[in-house]
Protein backbone atom coordinates (compact mmCIF):
# COMPACT_ATOMS: atom_id res chain seq x y z
CA MET A 1 54.67 38.95 -44.99
CA ALA A 2 57.81 38.13 -44.68
CA GLU A 3 61.43 37.60 -45.45
CA ILE A 4 63.18 35.58 -42.82
CA VAL A 5 66.72 35.33 -42.63
CA LEU A 6 68.67 33.63 -39.98
CA LYS A 7 72.15 35.11 -39.58
CA ARG A 8 75.13 33.12 -38.22
CA LEU A 9 72.44 31.30 -36.15
CA ALA A 10 73.21 28.41 -33.36
CA HIS A 11 71.54 26.76 -30.69
CA THR A 12 72.50 24.99 -27.81
CA TYR A 13 70.81 23.14 -24.14
CA SER A 14 73.60 22.82 -22.30
CA ALA A 15 74.66 25.39 -20.17
CA ASN A 16 78.39 25.07 -21.33
CA PRO A 17 78.99 24.14 -24.96
CA GLN A 18 82.37 22.16 -25.20
CA SER A 19 81.84 20.81 -28.98
CA PRO A 20 79.30 21.19 -32.40
CA GLU A 21 77.92 18.15 -31.06
CA ASP A 22 76.47 19.94 -27.85
CA TYR A 23 74.37 22.24 -30.13
CA ALA A 24 70.75 20.97 -31.45
CA ILE A 25 71.32 23.93 -34.22
CA ARG A 26 74.62 24.11 -35.95
CA GLN A 27 75.86 27.35 -37.01
CA MET A 28 74.28 28.41 -39.69
CA GLU A 29 72.46 31.47 -42.77
CA HIS A 30 69.40 30.63 -44.66
CA VAL A 31 67.25 32.89 -46.12
CA TRP A 32 63.41 32.13 -46.50
CA HIS A 33 61.85 33.94 -49.62
CA GLN A 34 58.91 36.33 -48.70
CA GLY A 35 56.30 34.50 -50.69
CA GLY A 36 57.82 31.02 -50.35
CA ALA A 37 56.69 27.58 -50.09
CA TYR A 38 59.55 26.11 -48.37
CA ALA A 39 59.51 22.26 -46.91
CA LEU A 40 62.33 21.41 -43.53
CA LEU A 41 62.91 17.92 -43.87
CA GLY A 42 65.09 15.29 -42.04
CA PRO A 43 64.96 12.39 -39.64
CA SER A 44 63.77 12.76 -35.55
CA GLY A 45 66.06 14.85 -33.74
CA CYS A 46 68.06 16.81 -36.58
CA GLY A 47 66.75 19.86 -35.02
CA LYS A 48 64.01 20.95 -37.28
CA SER A 49 61.90 21.99 -34.80
CA THR A 50 63.89 23.21 -33.05
CA LEU A 51 64.81 26.09 -35.67
CA LEU A 52 60.86 25.95 -36.42
CA ASN A 53 60.63 27.24 -33.37
CA ILE A 54 63.23 29.80 -32.49
CA ILE A 55 61.62 32.04 -35.86
CA SER A 56 58.06 31.73 -34.36
CA GLY A 57 59.87 33.05 -30.67
CA LEU A 58 59.02 30.35 -28.84
CA LEU A 59 62.64 29.47 -28.42
CA GLU A 60 65.47 32.66 -28.58
CA PRO A 61 68.36 31.41 -30.17
CA SER A 62 71.37 31.16 -27.99
CA GLU A 63 73.83 33.15 -31.29
CA GLY A 64 72.96 35.04 -34.30
CA ASP A 65 70.37 36.24 -34.96
CA VAL A 66 66.89 36.40 -36.30
CA LEU A 67 65.41 39.14 -39.23
CA PHE A 68 61.60 39.17 -40.56
CA ASP A 69 62.73 42.08 -43.05
CA GLY A 70 66.01 42.97 -41.77
CA GLN A 71 64.69 43.73 -38.46
CA ARG A 72 66.06 41.65 -36.01
CA VAL A 73 63.40 39.80 -33.70
CA ASN A 74 65.18 37.32 -31.68
CA GLU A 75 64.11 39.28 -28.32
CA LEU A 76 60.05 39.55 -29.77
CA PRO A 77 58.41 37.33 -28.07
CA PRO A 78 55.28 34.91 -31.01
CA GLU A 79 52.13 37.38 -30.95
CA GLU A 80 54.50 40.49 -31.85
CA ARG A 81 56.03 38.93 -34.56
CA ASN A 82 52.89 37.77 -36.89
CA ILE A 83 53.66 34.25 -36.84
CA ALA A 84 51.36 31.62 -37.10
CA GLN A 85 52.25 28.08 -36.21
CA VAL A 86 50.11 25.18 -36.76
CA PHE A 87 51.31 21.93 -34.52
CA GLN A 88 51.49 18.68 -34.65
CA PHE A 89 48.66 17.86 -32.41
CA PRO A 90 45.75 20.42 -33.26
CA VAL A 91 45.76 23.64 -31.00
CA ILE A 92 42.10 24.64 -30.58
CA TYR A 93 39.12 25.16 -28.04
CA ASP A 94 36.59 22.48 -28.05
CA THR A 95 33.98 24.49 -26.02
CA MET A 96 34.14 26.90 -28.93
CA THR A 97 32.05 26.47 -32.67
CA VAL A 98 34.24 25.90 -35.64
CA PHE A 99 33.47 29.22 -36.47
CA ASP A 100 34.30 30.87 -33.39
CA ASN A 101 37.51 28.57 -33.30
CA LEU A 102 37.98 30.20 -37.20
CA ALA A 103 37.05 34.12 -35.71
CA PHE A 104 38.99 33.89 -32.69
CA PRO A 105 42.41 35.29 -34.29
CA LEU A 106 40.58 38.17 -35.66
CA ARG A 107 38.31 39.11 -32.61
CA ASN A 108 41.67 38.89 -30.84
CA ILE A 109 43.60 41.42 -33.04
CA ASN A 110 39.86 43.59 -32.95
CA VAL A 111 39.34 43.27 -36.17
CA PRO A 112 35.97 45.01 -36.70
CA HIS A 113 32.79 42.17 -37.14
CA HIS A 114 31.27 42.81 -40.55
CA ARG A 115 34.96 41.56 -41.48
CA ILE A 116 35.16 38.80 -39.50
CA THR A 117 32.09 36.83 -41.16
CA PRO A 118 32.87 37.04 -44.82
CA LYS A 119 36.77 36.17 -43.97
CA VAL A 120 35.85 32.96 -41.76
CA GLU A 121 33.38 32.42 -44.63
CA GLU A 122 36.05 31.38 -47.34
CA VAL A 123 38.79 29.56 -45.09
CA ALA A 124 36.11 27.36 -44.20
CA ASP A 125 35.38 27.01 -48.03
CA ILE A 126 38.45 26.48 -48.51
CA LEU A 127 39.46 23.87 -45.75
CA GLU A 128 35.74 22.70 -46.50
CA LEU A 129 34.43 22.87 -42.72
CA THR A 130 31.61 24.97 -43.87
CA PRO A 131 29.04 22.85 -43.00
CA LEU A 132 30.54 21.95 -39.47
CA LEU A 133 30.47 25.82 -39.09
CA LYS A 134 27.62 25.80 -36.25
CA ARG A 135 28.85 22.27 -34.39
CA LYS A 136 31.03 22.61 -30.95
CA ALA A 137 34.66 21.40 -32.24
CA LYS A 138 34.27 18.18 -29.26
CA GLY A 139 32.91 16.66 -31.62
CA LEU A 140 34.77 16.99 -34.48
CA THR A 141 37.20 13.81 -35.32
CA ALA A 142 41.09 14.35 -35.51
CA ASP A 143 41.40 15.40 -39.20
CA GLU A 144 38.66 17.65 -39.12
CA LYS A 145 40.13 19.46 -36.06
CA GLN A 146 43.42 19.66 -37.32
CA LYS A 147 41.97 21.30 -40.25
CA VAL A 148 39.90 24.13 -38.14
CA SER A 149 43.62 24.73 -36.41
CA MET A 150 45.33 25.06 -39.85
CA GLY A 151 42.36 27.56 -40.24
CA ARG A 152 43.16 29.64 -37.38
CA GLY A 153 46.78 29.94 -39.38
CA LEU A 154 45.11 31.17 -42.28
CA VAL A 155 42.03 33.11 -41.47
CA ARG A 156 44.88 36.37 -40.54
CA ASP A 157 45.40 39.37 -43.36
CA ASP A 158 48.50 40.15 -41.36
CA VAL A 159 50.44 37.14 -40.59
CA SER A 160 54.23 37.67 -41.65
CA ALA A 161 54.43 33.40 -42.13
CA ILE A 162 52.81 30.41 -41.04
CA LEU A 163 54.94 27.34 -39.71
CA PHE A 164 53.40 23.83 -39.78
CA ASP A 165 54.84 21.60 -37.65
CA GLU A 166 54.03 18.02 -38.46
CA PRO A 167 50.57 18.69 -39.21
CA LEU A 168 49.54 15.54 -41.13
CA THR A 169 51.01 13.15 -38.37
CA VAL A 170 47.71 12.84 -36.41
CA ILE A 171 45.48 13.02 -40.39
CA ASP A 172 44.09 9.77 -42.04
CA PRO A 173 46.69 8.89 -45.06
CA GLN A 174 43.97 8.93 -47.11
CA LEU A 175 43.02 12.70 -46.71
CA LYS A 176 47.15 13.31 -46.56
CA TRP A 177 47.40 13.43 -50.02
CA LYS A 178 44.35 16.25 -49.92
CA LEU A 179 45.24 18.08 -47.99
CA ARG A 180 48.97 18.67 -48.56
CA ARG A 181 47.30 20.03 -52.24
CA LYS A 182 44.94 21.85 -50.63
CA LEU A 183 47.53 23.59 -48.70
CA LYS A 184 49.89 24.29 -51.87
CA GLU A 185 46.52 25.43 -53.17
CA ILE A 186 45.99 28.05 -50.56
CA HIS A 187 49.64 29.03 -50.74
CA GLN A 188 49.62 30.13 -54.54
CA ARG A 189 45.90 32.35 -53.71
CA PHE A 190 46.97 33.97 -50.91
CA ASN A 191 51.47 33.87 -51.35
CA ILE A 192 52.34 33.56 -47.68
CA THR A 193 55.41 33.07 -46.64
CA MET A 194 54.84 29.10 -45.07
CA ILE A 195 57.65 27.11 -44.06
CA TYR A 196 56.32 23.39 -43.36
CA VAL A 197 58.20 20.57 -40.72
CA THR A 198 58.08 17.21 -42.06
CA HIS A 199 60.73 13.94 -41.64
CA ASP A 200 58.23 12.42 -44.76
CA GLN A 201 60.00 13.39 -48.20
CA LEU A 202 56.59 12.92 -50.20
CA GLU A 203 54.94 15.40 -47.84
CA ALA A 204 58.18 18.21 -48.32
CA SER A 205 57.91 17.52 -52.35
CA THR A 206 54.18 17.04 -52.92
CA PHE A 207 53.73 20.80 -50.48
CA ALA A 208 57.40 22.78 -51.46
CA ASP A 209 58.83 25.22 -54.22
CA LYS A 210 61.85 24.24 -52.16
CA ILE A 211 63.41 21.96 -49.73
CA ALA A 212 65.75 22.57 -46.88
CA VAL A 213 66.86 19.38 -45.53
CA MET A 214 68.43 18.64 -42.08
CA TYR A 215 71.00 16.59 -40.85
CA ASP A 216 73.05 16.59 -37.76
CA GLY A 217 71.65 20.53 -36.71
CA GLN A 218 72.26 21.63 -40.40
CA VAL A 219 70.98 22.04 -43.37
CA VAL A 220 72.84 20.51 -45.57
CA GLN A 221 70.92 20.87 -48.99
CA PHE A 222 68.86 23.98 -50.31
CA GLY A 223 67.07 22.94 -53.14
CA THR A 224 63.86 21.71 -55.92
CA PRO A 225 63.16 18.49 -55.26
CA GLN A 226 64.72 17.24 -58.10
CA GLU A 227 67.80 19.45 -57.53
CA LEU A 228 67.59 17.30 -54.02
CA PHE A 229 67.26 13.66 -56.22
CA GLU A 230 69.78 14.36 -59.10
CA THR A 231 72.20 16.23 -56.90
CA PRO A 232 72.74 15.33 -53.68
CA ALA A 233 75.67 18.00 -51.97
CA HIS A 234 75.78 15.73 -49.27
CA THR A 235 75.45 11.64 -48.68
CA PHE A 236 71.72 12.31 -46.18
CA VAL A 237 70.44 14.27 -48.97
CA GLY A 238 71.04 10.82 -51.21
CA TYR A 239 70.18 8.35 -48.94
CA PHE A 240 67.34 10.23 -47.49
CA ILE A 241 66.36 10.81 -51.00
CA GLY A 242 64.88 8.71 -52.75
CA SER A 243 63.40 4.93 -52.39
CA PRO A 244 64.66 3.26 -51.84
CA GLY A 245 68.17 5.92 -51.70
CA MET A 246 71.84 6.40 -53.35
CA ASN A 247 73.98 3.24 -53.51
CA PHE A 248 77.82 4.41 -51.99
CA LEU A 249 80.61 2.46 -52.02
CA ASN A 250 83.26 3.27 -50.63
CA VAL A 251 86.60 3.64 -52.86
CA ARG A 252 90.06 4.79 -52.89
CA HIS A 253 92.92 4.88 -55.32
CA HIS A 254 95.21 3.15 -56.24
CA ALA A 255 98.77 2.24 -59.05
CA GLY A 256 95.71 3.97 -61.70
CA GLU A 257 92.58 2.06 -60.29
CA ILE A 258 89.34 3.02 -58.18
CA MET A 259 89.23 0.20 -55.94
CA PHE A 260 86.13 -0.97 -54.02
CA GLY A 261 87.75 -3.44 -51.28
CA GLU A 262 89.95 -6.00 -53.40
CA MET A 263 87.19 -4.39 -56.44
CA SER A 264 89.01 -2.95 -59.16
CA LEU A 265 85.76 -0.38 -60.57
CA PRO A 266 85.41 0.97 -63.87
CA MET A 267 85.35 4.47 -64.07
CA PRO A 268 85.35 7.37 -65.92
CA THR A 269 88.89 9.32 -66.25
CA ARG A 270 87.73 11.89 -64.43
CA PHE A 271 86.60 10.19 -61.71
CA VAL A 272 90.49 8.48 -61.74
CA GLU A 273 92.19 11.87 -61.49
CA ALA A 274 89.88 13.80 -59.35
CA ILE A 275 89.95 10.79 -56.36
CA ALA A 276 93.65 10.57 -56.92
CA ASN A 277 93.76 14.41 -56.63
CA THR A 278 92.21 13.59 -52.62
CA ASP A 279 93.80 13.72 -49.55
CA SER A 280 90.92 12.70 -47.54
CA ALA A 281 90.23 9.03 -46.82
CA ASN A 282 86.35 9.12 -47.05
CA VAL A 283 85.18 8.83 -50.39
CA LYS A 284 82.22 7.53 -51.81
CA ILE A 285 81.15 7.16 -55.53
CA GLY A 286 77.22 7.31 -55.04
CA ILE A 287 74.99 6.44 -57.83
CA ARG A 288 70.97 5.93 -57.64
CA PRO A 289 69.32 2.67 -57.75
CA GLU A 290 67.45 3.73 -61.01
CA PHE A 291 71.12 3.91 -62.56
CA VAL A 292 72.19 0.23 -62.27
CA SER A 293 71.46 -1.85 -64.89
CA VAL A 294 71.59 -5.75 -63.89
CA HIS A 295 72.55 -8.49 -66.11
CA ALA A 296 71.80 -12.15 -66.15
CA ASP A 297 75.30 -12.93 -68.18
CA LYS A 298 78.73 -11.72 -68.18
CA ARG A 299 79.81 -8.15 -70.14
CA ASP A 300 82.85 -6.00 -70.78
CA ASP A 301 82.76 -3.34 -67.18
CA ALA A 302 80.21 -5.67 -65.28
CA LEU A 303 80.81 -6.27 -62.15
CA PRO A 304 80.19 -9.76 -60.82
CA ALA A 305 77.16 -9.65 -57.82
CA ARG A 306 74.73 -11.97 -56.22
CA LYS A 307 71.27 -11.64 -56.01
CA CYS A 308 69.87 -11.65 -52.90
CA GLN A 309 66.15 -10.50 -52.98
CA VAL A 310 64.06 -9.27 -55.67
CA GLN A 311 60.82 -7.30 -54.54
CA ASP A 312 58.33 -6.93 -57.22
CA LEU A 313 55.97 -3.95 -56.88
CA GLY A 314 54.15 -3.77 -59.64
CA THR A 315 55.29 -1.16 -62.41
CA TYR A 316 58.80 -1.51 -60.98
CA SER A 317 61.07 -3.92 -58.86
CA ILE A 318 63.55 -3.56 -56.59
CA VAL A 319 66.56 -5.74 -56.74
CA THR A 320 69.04 -6.73 -53.33
CA PHE A 321 72.38 -7.74 -54.44
CA GLU A 322 75.97 -8.39 -52.55
CA LEU A 323 78.89 -6.55 -54.62
CA GLY A 324 82.36 -6.57 -52.31
CA GLY A 325 80.62 -8.26 -49.12
CA GLN A 326 78.19 -5.30 -49.27
CA THR A 327 74.75 -4.64 -49.90
CA PHE A 328 73.01 -2.17 -52.44
CA LYS A 329 70.12 -2.25 -54.93
CA ALA A 330 68.80 -1.44 -58.12
CA ARG A 331 65.08 -0.45 -59.51
CA LEU A 332 64.30 -1.94 -62.54
CA ALA A 333 61.69 -1.49 -64.58
CA GLU A 334 58.74 -4.10 -65.11
CA GLY A 335 59.49 -6.67 -67.73
CA HIS A 336 62.82 -6.51 -67.11
CA PRO A 337 65.16 -9.84 -68.16
CA ASP A 338 65.10 -13.02 -65.88
CA PHE A 339 68.11 -13.54 -64.31
CA GLY A 340 69.66 -16.02 -61.77
CA ASP A 341 71.39 -15.63 -58.41
CA ASP A 342 74.58 -14.78 -59.71
CA ILE A 343 74.54 -11.90 -61.43
CA HIS A 344 76.39 -8.61 -63.31
CA VAL A 345 75.76 -4.76 -62.96
CA THR A 346 76.76 -1.78 -64.19
CA PHE A 347 76.48 1.83 -63.50
CA ASP A 348 76.12 4.67 -66.18
CA PRO A 349 78.43 7.04 -65.64
CA ASP A 350 76.98 9.67 -66.42
CA GLN A 351 75.03 9.46 -63.76
CA LEU A 352 77.69 8.95 -60.78
CA GLY A 353 78.42 11.70 -58.25
CA LEU A 354 81.79 11.99 -56.25
CA PHE A 355 81.68 12.61 -52.64
CA VAL A 356 84.51 13.44 -50.29
CA ASP A 357 83.85 13.95 -46.74
CA ASP A 358 80.07 13.45 -47.47
CA TYR A 359 80.18 16.26 -49.47
CA ARG A 360 79.54 16.22 -53.28
CA VAL A 361 82.88 17.53 -55.61
CA GLU A 362 81.94 18.37 -59.02
CA VAL A 363 83.96 16.40 -61.22
CA GLN A 364 84.17 18.11 -64.70
CA ALA A 365 83.99 16.76 -67.83
């Protein structure tokens, strides 16, 4: 097991980078603590796989250092880092049996034969591969092959960390939840540092104790699933986490009021003061759909809006509405009152977030 530290790390594929936009990974500082279960979450192209490949040694960073337990490993190849990596598509030997595939990493480091069989059988039992141990890998399904690939990463006792690069992409959707829970059980059992790359927030929150959200080559927030939902540090986190994501209203201060377009928004005094004191033109108010209320009748502090669509999803409904020429979402519990096309909406003042230049600003109560 290892503590992995990224120190002033940056990476570019450009021979002559001129601006931050030329970097796949913008300069960052980050720590993956020993024994943690982490997810690296973000959309395609944000730098997740590049960062994982730098940690594993498949890529050498353009700038900065990778430290394992305080030792710089930038130039060390993967085999000298004691890293196990599970890729998006299974990496196994089709001509070998499942047993031999699982045993291969142990034989490669000259583990005595009498220790190999018990370890292989232990991992096979955890991954429910025991009935397949004598079968050739060529005849396995994609799900089974990926479980073998995972087992090859888990079979060694000396690994510093296991890195998973979107390992459930080829897995049948019905088995994904089961395998995520299985990986969580394995982590709790062996206490190995695990980093799980995914673009799926459900996968991330099911597996990880803490999630690093990546956007545009940077980790914009590192926290628990609850922290990412309740206090997103960046507008991207607010938008990306949640179903649906956070609503954002571009606002400005004018004559003691907070304006959204030509509409005056009822805001707590502390928000009015905070927005009045910022010099930025990029100021947003964020509110999650869960904390938007929809009313059929006009009432104090309610904003007039126009219903666009209602999606009944069983235990809740998603209402899409137009406000000030833009569309927003409200998430309403089952059994909510009926309303027509002309509606009135209110925002829970205790659940508002203020974002300046896309980063969250704490507003003192």
